[in-house]
Amino acid sequence: MDDQEMQLKVKRVTDKFTESMYVLANEPSIALYRLQEHVRRSLPELVQHKTDMQSWEEQSQGAIYTVEYACSAVKSMTNSSLYFKNIDGLLRQAIAMKEQISSSQGRSGVKPAPNHNDPPTHVSSTSS
């Protein structure tokens, strides 16, 4: 082999080796640059999505609370039917007692004392 040919082959090998070393040395930098570029472009959109999701979560929590409160109100209303039946019975007894008192006063001719809560009655002043 010729000395010049050997030098050419050595130069090619060293050039390829230098290029490989340059690519290996700079590859992480390029990758990090690409990552930084990607993050810079996509981060504002991701932040907007996060704030939207937080807002929707707050609205959902409010709606869930409202529905749970309404359900508990309906359940308590169904459980209160016993109390309404009791009130109905007491009102019926009060009406019956009022009718008894009114009928016994009507027979005896005694007028009941005026009650301030009763509406005023108009008595006609016609004499017979």
Protein backbone atom coordinates (compact mmCIF):
# COMPACT_ATOMS: atom_id res chain seq x y z
CA MET A 1 0.00 0.00 0.00
CA ASP A 2 1.03 3.41 -0.77
CA ASP A 3 1.63 6.00 1.91
CA GLN A 4 -0.78 8.44 0.34
CA GLU A 5 -3.48 5.83 0.10
CA MET A 6 -2.93 4.94 3.73
CA GLN A 7 -3.20 8.57 4.76
CA LEU A 8 -6.46 8.93 2.79
CA LYS A 9 -7.95 5.88 4.51
CA VAL A 10 -6.82 7.11 7.93
CA LYS A 11 -8.31 10.53 7.19
CA ARG A 12 -11.65 8.96 6.20
CA VAL A 13 -11.73 6.83 9.35
CA THR A 14 -10.87 9.78 11.57
CA ASP A 15 -13.47 11.99 9.81
CA LYS A 16 -16.15 9.36 10.30
CA PHE A 17 -15.08 8.90 13.90
CA THR A 18 -15.13 12.67 14.50
CA GLU A 19 -18.57 12.96 12.90
CA SER A 20 -19.88 10.11 15.04
CA MET A 21 -18.47 11.70 18.16
CA TYR A 22 -19.99 15.05 17.19
CA VAL A 23 -23.44 13.47 16.64
CA LEU A 24 -23.25 11.51 19.90
CA ALA A 25 -22.12 14.58 21.81
CA ASN A 26 -24.85 16.82 20.38
CA GLU A 27 -27.72 14.32 20.22
CA PRO A 28 -28.86 14.89 23.85
CA SER A 29 -28.73 18.65 23.31
CA ILE A 30 -30.91 18.40 20.24
CA ALA A 31 -33.32 16.11 22.05
CA LEU A 32 -33.54 18.49 25.00
CA TYR A 33 -34.05 21.43 22.63
CA ARG A 34 -36.90 19.58 20.90
CA LEU A 35 -38.47 18.74 24.27
CA GLN A 36 -38.21 22.36 25.38
CA GLU A 37 -39.75 23.50 22.11
CA HIS A 38 -42.62 21.04 22.48
CA VAL A 39 -43.29 22.04 26.09
CA ARG A 40 -43.24 25.73 25.21
CA ARG A 41 -45.83 25.18 22.47
CA SER A 42 -48.15 22.80 24.33
CA LEU A 43 -47.97 24.14 27.89
CA PRO A 44 -50.46 27.04 27.51
CA GLU A 45 -53.05 24.67 26.05
CA LEU A 46 -52.47 22.17 28.85
CA VAL A 47 -52.86 24.90 31.47
CA GLN A 48 -56.14 25.98 29.87
CA HIS A 49 -57.40 22.39 29.92
CA LYS A 50 -56.44 22.09 33.58
CA THR A 51 -58.33 25.25 34.56
CA ASP A 52 -61.35 24.12 32.53
CA MET A 53 -61.32 20.75 34.26
CA GLN A 54 -61.08 22.39 37.69
CA SER A 55 -64.03 24.62 36.84
CA TRP A 56 -66.08 21.65 35.64
CA GLU A 57 -65.17 19.72 38.79
CA GLU A 58 -66.40 22.59 40.98
CA GLN A 59 -69.66 22.80 39.02
CA SER A 60 -70.09 19.03 39.24
CA GLN A 61 -69.49 19.05 42.99
CA GLY A 62 -72.11 21.77 43.39
CA ALA A 63 -74.62 19.81 41.29
CA ILE A 64 -73.92 16.61 43.24
CA TYR A 65 -74.46 18.45 46.53
CA THR A 66 -77.74 19.89 45.25
CA VAL A 67 -79.00 16.49 44.11
CA GLU A 68 -78.01 14.83 47.39
CA TYR A 69 -79.73 17.59 49.35
CA ALA A 70 -82.90 17.23 47.25
CA CYS A 71 -82.87 13.45 47.72
CA SER A 72 -82.57 13.80 51.49
CA ALA A 73 -85.43 16.33 51.48
CA VAL A 74 -87.65 13.93 49.52
CA LYS A 75 -86.75 11.05 51.85
CA SER A 76 -87.57 13.14 54.91
CA MET A 77 -90.90 14.11 53.32
CA THR A 78 -91.83 10.46 52.79
CA ASN A 79 -90.90 9.73 56.39
CA SER A 80 -93.11 12.61 57.59
CA SER A 81 -96.36 11.04 56.32
CA LEU A 82 -96.92 9.64 59.82
CA TYR A 83 -96.81 13.17 61.25
CA PHE A 84 -99.23 14.46 58.61
CA LYS A 85 -101.68 11.66 59.44
CA ASN A 86 -101.40 12.58 63.12
CA ILE A 87 -102.05 16.27 62.32
CA ASP A 88 -105.04 15.27 60.16
CA GLY A 89 -106.51 13.25 63.02
CA LEU A 90 -106.02 16.09 65.50
CA LEU A 91 -107.62 18.58 63.11
CA ARG A 92 -110.63 16.30 62.66
CA GLN A 93 -110.97 15.99 66.44
CA ALA A 94 -110.75 19.77 66.82
CA ILE A 95 -113.45 20.28 64.16
CA ALA A 96 -115.69 17.71 65.85
CA MET A 97 -115.23 19.39 69.24
CA LYS A 98 -115.94 22.80 67.71
CA GLU A 99 -119.15 21.45 66.19
CA GLN A 100 -120.14 19.91 69.52
CA ILE A 101 -119.53 23.17 71.34
CA SER A 102 -121.44 25.13 68.71
CA SER A 103 -124.41 22.76 68.80
CA SER A 104 -124.55 22.70 72.63
CA GLN A 105 -124.40 26.52 72.76
CA GLY A 106 -127.11 26.75 70.12
CA ARG A 107 -129.44 24.61 72.24
CA SER A 108 -128.80 26.51 75.43
CA GLY A 109 -129.20 29.92 73.77
CA VAL A 110 -125.91 31.16 75.17
CA LYS A 111 -123.82 33.09 72.74
CA PRO A 112 -120.14 32.26 72.81
CA ALA A 113 -117.71 34.97 73.80
CA PRO A 114 -116.42 36.80 70.76
CA ASN A 115 -113.08 35.57 69.54
CA HIS A 116 -110.80 38.25 68.18
CA ASN A 117 -109.46 35.82 65.57
CA ASP A 118 -112.93 35.13 64.09
CA PRO A 119 -114.10 37.33 61.20
CA PRO A 120 -116.80 39.86 62.14
CA THR A 121 -120.37 38.72 61.55
CA HIS A 122 -123.07 41.03 60.25
CA VAL A 123 -126.35 40.82 62.11
CA SER A 124 -129.36 42.23 60.38
CA SER A 125 -131.45 44.50 62.52
CA THR A 126 -134.89 43.46 61.33
CA SER A 127 -137.46 43.02 64.04
CA SER A 128 -140.22 40.54 63.80
